[in-house]
Amino acid sequence: MTVISLKSAQVNEGLTLPYAEAGYPSGTPVVFVHGLGDSWWSFEPLLRRLPPSLHGYAPTQRGHGDAGRPADGYTPDDFAADLVAFLDAADIPRAVLVAASTGGIPARIVAGSHPDRIAGLVLLGVPGTFADHPAADAWRKSLDGLADPVPRAFVEEFVTGATAAPLARGFVETMIEEGLKLPAHVWQETGRGLLDADLGATLAGILVPTLVIWGEQDRFLTRDDQRIILDAVHGAEFLPYENTGHAVHWEQPERVVADIAGFAARIIRPGTT
């Protein structure tokens, strides 16, 4: 089992982002990007399973977990800027980005705008669009109604709804506790930023190798939604996981790690990043 180290990075005018680091120094750098309501803990099941070929970094985004909480700055572009700043602060010249759920929106902005820094992009249950999405209006209304303290029931439903099969209760409790660390305004401003963004524009200009992984039992995203990404990103690979829900990396961490390692081996020549 890989040892996980907890560190912190100063980015963007003193903003502190905690991050977890695991793996082997000679491995390909892989930066994991979590979605709304999560933290670096979202990738703990992957980090502790990393093979010798990978070196993982999992930052906690602004406003989430134990990261700094600016009064504003919660649009996808803000999170993308933080991600580039994190690469600089952690001295990562070039990496494979692995993004889950809504974390894929800033990740693909960075992949399109900084191809010199991104060797490849892996999207785990990432939305293609929220336009005409049947759950978008309901999600917006639920966010608008939030107030501090954020109800535990809201976060628990958010976490447990992400999988098709039950998870270990200890991990579920950890993710609920991480979600409860977000004040209402972070949930609201991050959610509104995602819902109001032109997600199609965030797919423009992605030229790096891309792998799209999606659970066939995803309650939020359909195969047609994933087709939007595949049609926009030339040459993107598609791996559907049977009997798996939205958070594929929680339900099938061994398979996800193996697929990430295989993808990295295919796209990166020996001796390069």
C-alpha atoms as a PDB file:
ATOM      1  CA  MET A   1       0.000   0.000   0.000  1.00  0.00           C
ATOM      2  CA  THR A   2       1.373   3.413  -0.999  1.00  0.00           C
ATOM      3  CA  VAL A   3       2.171   5.905   1.762  1.00  0.00           C
ATOM      4  CA  ILE A   4       0.234   9.197   1.565  1.00  0.00           C
ATOM      5  CA  SER A   5       1.899  12.438   2.704  1.00  0.00           C
ATOM      6  CA  LEU A   6      -0.103  15.564   3.549  1.00  0.00           C
ATOM      7  CA  LYS A   7       1.374  18.900   2.470  1.00  0.00           C
ATOM      8  CA  SER A   8       0.226  22.414   1.549  1.00  0.00           C
ATOM      9  CA  ALA A   9       0.902  24.835  -1.285  1.00  0.00           C
ATOM     10  CA  GLN A  10       0.613  28.620  -1.418  1.00  0.00           C
ATOM     11  CA  VAL A  11      -1.137  29.680  -4.631  1.00  0.00           C
ATOM     12  CA  ASN A  12      -2.754  32.818  -6.025  1.00  0.00           C
ATOM     13  CA  GLU A  13      -2.072  35.675  -3.609  1.00  0.00           C
ATOM     14  CA  GLY A  14      -1.476  33.551  -0.544  1.00  0.00           C
ATOM     15  CA  LEU A  15      -4.345  31.099  -0.918  1.00  0.00           C
ATOM     16  CA  THR A  16      -3.356  27.846   0.804  1.00  0.00           C
ATOM     17  CA  LEU A  17      -4.380  24.536  -0.731  1.00  0.00           C
ATOM     18  CA  PRO A  18      -3.699  21.374   1.260  1.00  0.00           C
ATOM     19  CA  TYR A  19      -2.774  18.406  -0.869  1.00  0.00           C
ATOM     20  CA  ALA A  20      -1.994  14.728  -0.556  1.00  0.00           C
ATOM     21  CA  GLU A  21       1.012  13.257  -2.317  1.00  0.00           C
ATOM     22  CA  ALA A  22       1.715   9.569  -2.892  1.00  0.00           C
ATOM     23  CA  GLY A  23       3.683   7.300  -5.150  1.00  0.00           C
ATOM     24  CA  TYR A  24       7.190   7.011  -6.447  1.00  0.00           C
ATOM     25  CA  PRO A  25       9.428  10.008  -7.272  1.00  0.00           C
ATOM     26  CA  SER A  26      10.290   8.570 -10.682  1.00  0.00           C
ATOM     27  CA  GLY A  27       6.645   7.944 -11.583  1.00  0.00           C
ATOM     28  CA  THR A  28       4.625   9.975 -14.047  1.00  0.00           C
ATOM     29  CA  PRO A  29       3.093  12.998 -12.247  1.00  0.00           C
ATOM     30  CA  VAL A  30      -0.677  12.635 -11.962  1.00  0.00           C
ATOM     31  CA  VAL A  31      -2.749  15.486 -10.503  1.00  0.00           C
ATOM     32  CA  PHE A  32      -6.211  14.557  -9.232  1.00  0.00           C
ATOM     33  CA  VAL A  33      -8.978  17.196  -9.349  1.00  0.00           C
ATOM     34  CA  HIS A  34     -12.054  16.673  -7.162  1.00  0.00           C
ATOM     35  CA  GLY A  35     -15.588  17.941  -7.700  1.00  0.00           C
ATOM     36  CA  LEU A  36     -17.990  20.114  -5.738  1.00  0.00           C
ATOM     37  CA  GLY A  37     -18.306  19.200  -2.065  1.00  0.00           C
ATOM     38  CA  ASP A  38     -15.245  16.940  -1.971  1.00  0.00           C
ATOM     39  CA  SER A  39     -11.588  17.326  -0.968  1.00  0.00           C
ATOM     40  CA  TRP A  40      -8.359  15.407  -1.513  1.00  0.00           C
ATOM     41  CA  TRP A  41     -10.022  12.584   0.427  1.00  0.00           C
ATOM     42  CA  SER A  42     -12.101  11.816  -2.672  1.00  0.00           C
ATOM     43  CA  PHE A  43      -8.965  10.249  -4.171  1.00  0.00           C
ATOM     44  CA  GLU A  44      -7.655   8.450  -1.088  1.00  0.00           C
ATOM     45  CA  PRO A  45      -8.785   5.069  -2.512  1.00  0.00           C
ATOM     46  CA  LEU A  46      -6.689   5.745  -5.632  1.00  0.00           C
ATOM     47  CA  LEU A  47      -3.653   7.289  -3.952  1.00  0.00           C
ATOM     48  CA  ARG A  48      -3.058   4.279  -1.723  1.00  0.00           C
ATOM     49  CA  ARG A  49      -3.212   1.951  -4.725  1.00  0.00           C
ATOM     50  CA  LEU A  50      -0.818   3.788  -7.053  1.00  0.00           C
ATOM     51  CA  PRO A  51       1.669   1.567  -8.889  1.00  0.00           C
ATOM     52  CA  PRO A  52       5.391   2.425  -9.155  1.00  0.00           C
ATOM     53  CA  SER A  53       4.766   4.033 -12.550  1.00  0.00           C
ATOM     54  CA  LEU A  54       2.685   6.904 -11.083  1.00  0.00           C
ATOM     55  CA  HIS A  55       3.329   9.783  -8.655  1.00  0.00           C
ATOM     56  CA  GLY A  56       0.072  11.301  -7.453  1.00  0.00           C
ATOM     57  CA  TYR A  57      -0.904  14.739  -6.164  1.00  0.00           C
ATOM     58  CA  ALA A  58      -4.429  15.541  -4.939  1.00  0.00           C
ATOM     59  CA  PRO A  59      -5.026  19.206  -3.989  1.00  0.00           C
ATOM     60  CA  THR A  60      -8.105  20.358  -2.099  1.00  0.00           C
ATOM     61  CA  GLN A  61      -9.760  23.207  -3.992  1.00  0.00           C
ATOM     62  CA  ARG A  62     -10.471  26.653  -2.578  1.00  0.00           C
ATOM     63  CA  GLY A  63     -13.404  26.778  -0.196  1.00  0.00           C
ATOM     64  CA  HIS A  64     -13.374  23.004   0.252  1.00  0.00           C
ATOM     65  CA  GLY A  65     -12.085  20.792   3.033  1.00  0.00           C
ATOM     66  CA  ASP A  66      -9.300  22.556   4.926  1.00  0.00           C
ATOM     67  CA  ALA A  67      -8.328  24.881   2.056  1.00  0.00           C
ATOM     68  CA  GLY A  68      -8.474  28.654   2.314  1.00  0.00           C
ATOM     69  CA  ARG A  69     -11.917  30.214   1.874  1.00  0.00           C
ATOM     70  CA  PRO A  70     -11.817  33.453  -0.128  1.00  0.00           C
ATOM     71  CA  ALA A  71     -14.960  35.581  -0.008  1.00  0.00           C
ATOM     72  CA  ASP A  72     -15.421  35.083  -3.757  1.00  0.00           C
ATOM     73  CA  GLY A  73     -13.791  33.517  -6.809  1.00  0.00           C
ATOM     74  CA  TYR A  74     -15.703  30.269  -7.302  1.00  0.00           C
ATOM     75  CA  THR A  75     -16.182  30.095 -11.071  1.00  0.00           C
ATOM     76  CA  PRO A  76     -14.669  27.299 -13.173  1.00  0.00           C
ATOM     77  CA  ASP A  77     -12.090  29.807 -14.440  1.00  0.00           C
ATOM     78  CA  ASP A  78     -11.059  30.601 -10.846  1.00  0.00           C
ATOM     79  CA  PHE A  79     -10.573  26.928 -10.051  1.00  0.00           C
ATOM     80  CA  ALA A  80      -8.641  26.474 -13.314  1.00  0.00           C
ATOM     81  CA  ALA A  81      -6.299  29.331 -12.404  1.00  0.00           C
ATOM     82  CA  ASP A  82      -5.722  27.726  -9.004  1.00  0.00           C
ATOM     83  CA  LEU A  83      -4.867  24.450 -10.702  1.00  0.00           C
ATOM     84  CA  VAL A  84      -2.183  26.046 -12.878  1.00  0.00           C
ATOM     85  CA  ALA A  85      -0.834  27.858  -9.818  1.00  0.00           C
ATOM     86  CA  PHE A  86      -0.731  24.551  -7.962  1.00  0.00           C
ATOM     87  CA  LEU A  87       1.363  22.984 -10.732  1.00  0.00           C
ATOM     88  CA  ASP A  88       3.794  25.862 -10.308  1.00  0.00           C
ATOM     89  CA  ALA A  89       3.836  25.753  -6.492  1.00  0.00           C
ATOM     90  CA  ALA A  90       4.344  21.982  -6.376  1.00  0.00           C
ATOM     91  CA  ASP A  91       7.043  22.217  -9.081  1.00  0.00           C
ATOM     92  CA  ILE A  92       5.221  19.957 -11.524  1.00  0.00           C
ATOM     93  CA  PRO A  93       6.335  20.904 -15.062  1.00  0.00           C
ATOM     94  CA  ARG A  94       3.879  18.578 -16.795  1.00  0.00           C
ATOM     95  CA  ALA A  95       1.273  16.121 -15.557  1.00  0.00           C
ATOM     96  CA  VAL A  96      -1.625  13.877 -16.426  1.00  0.00           C
ATOM     97  CA  LEU A  97      -4.817  15.442 -15.051  1.00  0.00           C
ATOM     98  CA  VAL A  98      -7.389  13.051 -13.592  1.00  0.00           C
ATOM     99  CA  ALA A  99     -10.646  14.836 -12.766  1.00  0.00           C
ATOM    100  CA  ALA A 100     -13.845  13.560 -11.197  1.00  0.00           C
ATOM    101  CA  SER A 101     -17.373  14.903 -11.675  1.00  0.00           C
ATOM    102  CA  THR A 102     -17.524  18.715 -11.791  1.00  0.00           C
ATOM    103  CA  GLY A 103     -13.771  18.884 -11.168  1.00  0.00           C
ATOM    104  CA  GLY A 104     -13.486  17.986 -14.826  1.00  0.00           C
ATOM    105  CA  ILE A 105     -14.696  21.439 -15.878  1.00  0.00           C
ATOM    106  CA  PRO A 106     -11.657  23.415 -14.614  1.00  0.00           C
ATOM    107  CA  ALA A 107      -9.419  20.482 -15.570  1.00  0.00           C
ATOM    108  CA  ARG A 108     -10.466  20.626 -19.200  1.00  0.00           C
ATOM    109  CA  ILE A 109     -10.083  24.421 -19.216  1.00  0.00           C
ATOM    110  CA  VAL A 110      -6.462  23.903 -18.178  1.00  0.00           C
ATOM    111  CA  ALA A 111      -5.966  21.078 -20.683  1.00  0.00           C
ATOM    112  CA  GLY A 112      -7.187  23.342 -23.484  1.00  0.00           C
ATOM    113  CA  SER A 113      -5.322  26.482 -22.409  1.00  0.00           C
ATOM    114  CA  HIS A 114      -2.030  24.972 -21.168  1.00  0.00           C
ATOM    115  CA  PRO A 115      -1.238  21.973 -23.395  1.00  0.00           C
ATOM    116  CA  ASP A 116       2.457  22.416 -22.604  1.00  0.00           C
ATOM    117  CA  ARG A 117       1.717  21.557 -18.952  1.00  0.00           C
ATOM    118  CA  ILE A 118      -0.743  18.703 -19.509  1.00  0.00           C
ATOM    119  CA  ALA A 119       0.402  15.359 -20.909  1.00  0.00           C
ATOM    120  CA  GLY A 120      -3.060  13.832 -20.878  1.00  0.00           C
ATOM    121  CA  LEU A 121      -6.558  14.190 -19.445  1.00  0.00           C
ATOM    122  CA  VAL A 122      -8.706  11.551 -17.721  1.00  0.00           C
ATOM    123  CA  LEU A 123     -12.343  12.445 -17.014  1.00  0.00           C
ATOM    124  CA  LEU A 124     -14.213  10.356 -14.443  1.00  0.00           C
ATOM    125  CA  GLY A 125     -17.962  10.903 -14.680  1.00  0.00           C
ATOM    126  CA  VAL A 126     -17.621  14.493 -15.901  1.00  0.00           C
ATOM    127  CA  PRO A 127     -20.669  16.309 -17.342  1.00  0.00           C
ATOM    128  CA  GLY A 128     -20.660  17.268 -20.993  1.00  0.00           C
ATOM    129  CA  THR A 129     -23.281  19.963 -20.512  1.00  0.00           C
ATOM    130  CA  PHE A 130     -25.933  21.169 -18.076  1.00  0.00           C
ATOM    131  CA  ALA A 131     -28.051  22.683 -20.852  1.00  0.00           C
ATOM    132  CA  ASP A 132     -31.526  21.104 -20.842  1.00  0.00           C
ATOM    133  CA  HIS A 133     -30.390  18.773 -18.063  1.00  0.00           C
ATOM    134  CA  PRO A 134     -33.512  17.602 -16.191  1.00  0.00           C
ATOM    135  CA  ALA A 135     -31.828  17.875 -12.790  1.00  0.00           C
ATOM    136  CA  ALA A 136     -30.190  21.275 -13.319  1.00  0.00           C
ATOM    137  CA  ASP A 137     -33.165  23.388 -12.205  1.00  0.00           C
ATOM    138  CA  ALA A 138     -33.764  21.208  -9.160  1.00  0.00           C
ATOM    139  CA  TRP A 139     -30.082  21.430  -8.239  1.00  0.00           C
ATOM    140  CA  ARG A 140     -30.123  25.218  -8.556  1.00  0.00           C
ATOM    141  CA  LYS A 141     -33.199  25.467  -6.319  1.00  0.00           C
ATOM    142  CA  SER A 142     -31.671  23.211  -3.674  1.00  0.00           C
ATOM    143  CA  LEU A 143     -28.513  25.335  -3.638  1.00  0.00           C
ATOM    144  CA  ASP A 144     -30.491  28.578  -3.453  1.00  0.00           C
ATOM    145  CA  GLY A 145     -32.252  27.299  -0.353  1.00  0.00           C
ATOM    146  CA  LEU A 146     -29.070  26.487   1.566  1.00  0.00           C
ATOM    147  CA  ALA A 147     -28.132  28.378   4.724  1.00  0.00           C
ATOM    148  CA  ASP A 148     -25.503  27.867   7.412  1.00  0.00           C
ATOM    149  CA  PRO A 149     -25.139  25.468   9.011  1.00  0.00           C
ATOM    150  CA  VAL A 150     -25.532  23.316   5.916  1.00  0.00           C
ATOM    151  CA  PRO A 151     -27.851  20.412   6.811  1.00  0.00           C
ATOM    152  CA  ARG A 152     -26.184  17.043   7.190  1.00  0.00           C
ATOM    153  CA  ALA A 153     -29.052  15.451   5.239  1.00  0.00           C
ATOM    154  CA  PHE A 154     -28.211  17.619   2.200  1.00  0.00           C
ATOM    155  CA  VAL A 155     -24.574  16.494   2.175  1.00  0.00           C
ATOM    156  CA  GLU A 156     -25.411  12.861   2.918  1.00  0.00           C
ATOM    157  CA  GLU A 157     -27.805  12.708  -0.034  1.00  0.00           C
ATOM    158  CA  PHE A 158     -25.152  14.356  -2.223  1.00  0.00           C
ATOM    159  CA  VAL A 159     -22.547  11.741  -1.238  1.00  0.00           C
ATOM    160  CA  THR A 160     -24.653   8.575  -1.191  1.00  0.00           C
ATOM    161  CA  GLY A 161     -26.346   9.430  -4.478  1.00  0.00           C
ATOM    162  CA  ALA A 162     -23.000   9.266  -6.285  1.00  0.00           C
ATOM    163  CA  THR A 163     -22.733   5.482  -6.312  1.00  0.00           C
ATOM    164  CA  ALA A 164     -24.789   2.565  -7.535  1.00  0.00           C
ATOM    165  CA  ALA A 165     -23.581   0.234  -4.781  1.00  0.00           C
ATOM    166  CA  PRO A 166     -23.057   0.858  -1.064  1.00  0.00           C
ATOM    167  CA  LEU A 167     -19.567   1.886   0.044  1.00  0.00           C
ATOM    168  CA  ALA A 168     -17.700   1.243   3.278  1.00  0.00           C
ATOM    169  CA  ARG A 169     -19.472   3.340   5.908  1.00  0.00           C
ATOM    170  CA  GLY A 170     -16.213   4.788   7.203  1.00  0.00           C
ATOM    171  CA  PHE A 171     -15.382   6.274   3.803  1.00  0.00           C
ATOM    172  CA  VAL A 172     -18.935   7.603   3.384  1.00  0.00           C
ATOM    173  CA  GLU A 173     -18.728   9.298   6.798  1.00  0.00           C
ATOM    174  CA  THR A 174     -15.393  10.868   5.867  1.00  0.00           C
ATOM    175  CA  MET A 175     -16.826  12.321   2.656  1.00  0.00           C
ATOM    176  CA  ILE A 176     -19.896  13.634   4.485  1.00  0.00           C
ATOM    177  CA  GLU A 177     -17.689  15.327   7.084  1.00  0.00           C
ATOM    178  CA  GLU A 178     -15.592  16.862   4.301  1.00  0.00           C
ATOM    179  CA  GLY A 179     -18.755  18.147   2.601  1.00  0.00           C
ATOM    180  CA  LEU A 180     -19.965  19.698   5.845  1.00  0.00           C
ATOM    181  CA  LYS A 181     -16.814  21.831   5.964  1.00  0.00           C
ATOM    182  CA  LEU A 182     -18.124  23.928   3.053  1.00  0.00           C
ATOM    183  CA  PRO A 183     -20.139  26.962   4.120  1.00  0.00           C
ATOM    184  CA  ALA A 184     -23.385  27.555   2.242  1.00  0.00           C
ATOM    185  CA  HIS A 185     -21.916  30.330   0.087  1.00  0.00           C
ATOM    186  CA  VAL A 186     -19.209  28.005  -1.284  1.00  0.00           C
ATOM    187  CA  TRP A 187     -21.785  25.378  -2.229  1.00  0.00           C
ATOM    188  CA  GLN A 188     -23.939  28.091  -3.826  1.00  0.00           C
ATOM    189  CA  GLU A 189     -21.297  30.100  -5.680  1.00  0.00           C
ATOM    190  CA  THR A 190     -19.461  27.012  -6.959  1.00  0.00           C
ATOM    191  CA  GLY A 191     -22.717  25.396  -8.076  1.00  0.00           C
ATOM    192  CA  ARG A 192     -23.992  28.540  -9.767  1.00  0.00           C
ATOM    193  CA  GLY A 193     -20.643  29.020 -11.473  1.00  0.00           C
ATOM    194  CA  LEU A 194     -20.930  25.546 -12.961  1.00  0.00           C
ATOM    195  CA  LEU A 195     -24.586  25.897 -13.950  1.00  0.00           C
ATOM    196  CA  ASP A 196     -24.039  29.305 -15.546  1.00  0.00           C
ATOM    197  CA  ALA A 197     -20.858  28.378 -17.428  1.00  0.00           C
ATOM    198  CA  ASP A 198     -20.765  27.572 -21.125  1.00  0.00           C
ATOM    199  CA  LEU A 199     -19.570  24.004 -20.690  1.00  0.00           C
ATOM    200  CA  GLY A 200     -19.270  23.545 -24.439  1.00  0.00           C
ATOM    201  CA  ALA A 201     -16.647  26.289 -24.514  1.00  0.00           C
ATOM    202  CA  THR A 202     -14.591  24.431 -21.902  1.00  0.00           C
ATOM    203  CA  LEU A 203     -14.241  21.562 -24.383  1.00  0.00           C
ATOM    204  CA  ALA A 204     -12.813  23.788 -27.110  1.00  0.00           C
ATOM    205  CA  GLY A 205      -9.171  23.447 -28.016  1.00  0.00           C
ATOM    206  CA  ILE A 206      -8.380  20.245 -26.110  1.00  0.00           C
ATOM    207  CA  LEU A 207      -5.655  18.586 -28.137  1.00  0.00           C
ATOM    208  CA  VAL A 208      -4.041  16.430 -25.461  1.00  0.00           C
ATOM    209  CA  PRO A 209      -4.789  12.684 -25.295  1.00  0.00           C
ATOM    210  CA  THR A 210      -8.051  12.205 -23.401  1.00  0.00           C
ATOM    211  CA  LEU A 211      -9.704   9.247 -21.709  1.00  0.00           C
ATOM    212  CA  VAL A 212     -13.396   9.405 -20.728  1.00  0.00           C
ATOM    213  CA  ILE A 213     -14.554   6.947 -18.044  1.00  0.00           C
ATOM    214  CA  TRP A 214     -18.257   6.721 -17.184  1.00  0.00           C
ATOM    215  CA  GLY A 215     -20.401   4.449 -15.032  1.00  0.00           C
ATOM    216  CA  GLU A 216     -23.341   2.932 -16.862  1.00  0.00           C
ATOM    217  CA  GLN A 217     -25.486   3.302 -13.714  1.00  0.00           C
ATOM    218  CA  ASP A 218     -24.708   7.023 -13.346  1.00  0.00           C
ATOM    219  CA  ARG A 219     -27.877   8.710 -12.028  1.00  0.00           C
ATOM    220  CA  PHE A 220     -26.833  12.147 -13.249  1.00  0.00           C
ATOM    221  CA  LEU A 221     -25.069  11.688 -16.594  1.00  0.00           C
ATOM    222  CA  THR A 222     -26.264   9.728 -19.585  1.00  0.00           C
ATOM    223  CA  ARG A 223     -24.266   8.105 -22.358  1.00  0.00           C
ATOM    224  CA  ASP A 224     -25.544  10.865 -24.673  1.00  0.00           C
ATOM    225  CA  ASP A 225     -24.072  13.444 -22.309  1.00  0.00           C
ATOM    226  CA  GLN A 226     -20.694  11.697 -22.535  1.00  0.00           C
ATOM    227  CA  ARG A 227     -21.031  11.684 -26.304  1.00  0.00           C
ATOM    228  CA  ILE A 228     -20.864  15.493 -26.182  1.00  0.00           C
ATOM    229  CA  ILE A 229     -17.339  15.226 -24.784  1.00  0.00           C
ATOM    230  CA  LEU A 230     -16.297  12.493 -27.213  1.00  0.00           C
ATOM    231  CA  ASP A 231     -17.570  14.449 -30.212  1.00  0.00           C
ATOM    232  CA  ALA A 232     -15.756  17.617 -29.097  1.00  0.00           C
ATOM    233  CA  VAL A 233     -12.371  16.109 -28.206  1.00  0.00           C
ATOM    234  CA  HIS A 234     -10.747  14.515 -31.229  1.00  0.00           C
ATOM    235  CA  GLY A 235      -9.441  11.028 -30.597  1.00  0.00           C
ATOM    236  CA  ALA A 236     -10.832  10.749 -27.057  1.00  0.00           C
ATOM    237  CA  GLU A 237     -11.075   7.183 -25.743  1.00  0.00           C
ATOM    238  CA  PHE A 238     -14.223   5.957 -23.995  1.00  0.00           C
ATOM    239  CA  LEU A 239     -14.414   3.361 -21.227  1.00  0.00           C
ATOM    240  CA  PRO A 240     -17.906   2.633 -19.850  1.00  0.00           C
ATOM    241  CA  TYR A 241     -17.956   0.751 -16.561  1.00  0.00           C
ATOM    242  CA  GLU A 242     -20.825  -1.684 -16.171  1.00  0.00           C
ATOM    243  CA  ASN A 243     -22.795  -1.790 -12.881  1.00  0.00           C
ATOM    244  CA  THR A 244     -21.093   1.404 -11.686  1.00  0.00           C
ATOM    245  CA  GLY A 245     -22.496   4.781 -10.677  1.00  0.00           C
ATOM    246  CA  HIS A 246     -21.341   8.373 -10.956  1.00  0.00           C
ATOM    247  CA  ALA A 247     -18.267   8.180  -8.681  1.00  0.00           C
ATOM    248  CA  VAL A 248     -16.460   5.432 -10.567  1.00  0.00           C
ATOM    249  CA  HIS A 249     -13.256   6.020  -8.581  1.00  0.00           C
ATOM    250  CA  TRP A 250     -15.065   5.256  -5.317  1.00  0.00           C
ATOM    251  CA  GLU A 251     -16.743   2.088  -6.527  1.00  0.00           C
ATOM    252  CA  GLN A 252     -13.919   0.632  -8.624  1.00  0.00           C
ATOM    253  CA  PRO A 253     -10.632   2.172  -7.436  1.00  0.00           C
ATOM    254  CA  GLU A 254      -8.454  -0.757  -8.547  1.00  0.00           C
ATOM    255  CA  ARG A 255      -9.832  -0.660 -12.081  1.00  0.00           C
ATOM    256  CA  VAL A 256      -9.584   3.125 -12.305  1.00  0.00           C
ATOM    257  CA  VAL A 257      -5.942   3.084 -11.162  1.00  0.00           C
ATOM    258  CA  ALA A 258      -5.127   0.349 -13.676  1.00  0.00           C
ATOM    259  CA  ASP A 259      -6.810   2.293 -16.483  1.00  0.00           C
ATOM    260  CA  ILE A 260      -4.985   5.504 -15.535  1.00  0.00           C
ATOM    261  CA  ALA A 261      -1.649   3.675 -15.460  1.00  0.00           C
ATOM    262  CA  GLY A 262      -2.337   2.044 -18.821  1.00  0.00           C
ATOM    263  CA  PHE A 263      -3.370   5.368 -20.347  1.00  0.00           C
ATOM    264  CA  ALA A 264      -0.236   7.118 -19.020  1.00  0.00           C
ATOM    265  CA  ALA A 265       1.966   4.338 -20.391  1.00  0.00           C
ATOM    266  CA  ARG A 266       0.393   4.700 -23.837  1.00  0.00           C
ATOM    267  CA  ILE A 267       0.769   8.465 -24.113  1.00  0.00           C
ATOM    268  CA  ILE A 268       4.115   9.141 -22.435  1.00  0.00           C
ATOM    269  CA  ARG A 269       7.421   8.021 -23.865  1.00  0.00           C
ATOM    270  CA  PRO A 270       9.935   6.510 -21.413  1.00  0.00           C
ATOM    271  CA  GLY A 271      12.152   9.176 -19.873  1.00  0.00           C
ATOM    272  CA  THR A 272       9.650  12.018 -20.482  1.00  0.00           C
ATOM    273  CA  THR A 273       6.673  13.525 -18.659  1.00  0.00           C
END
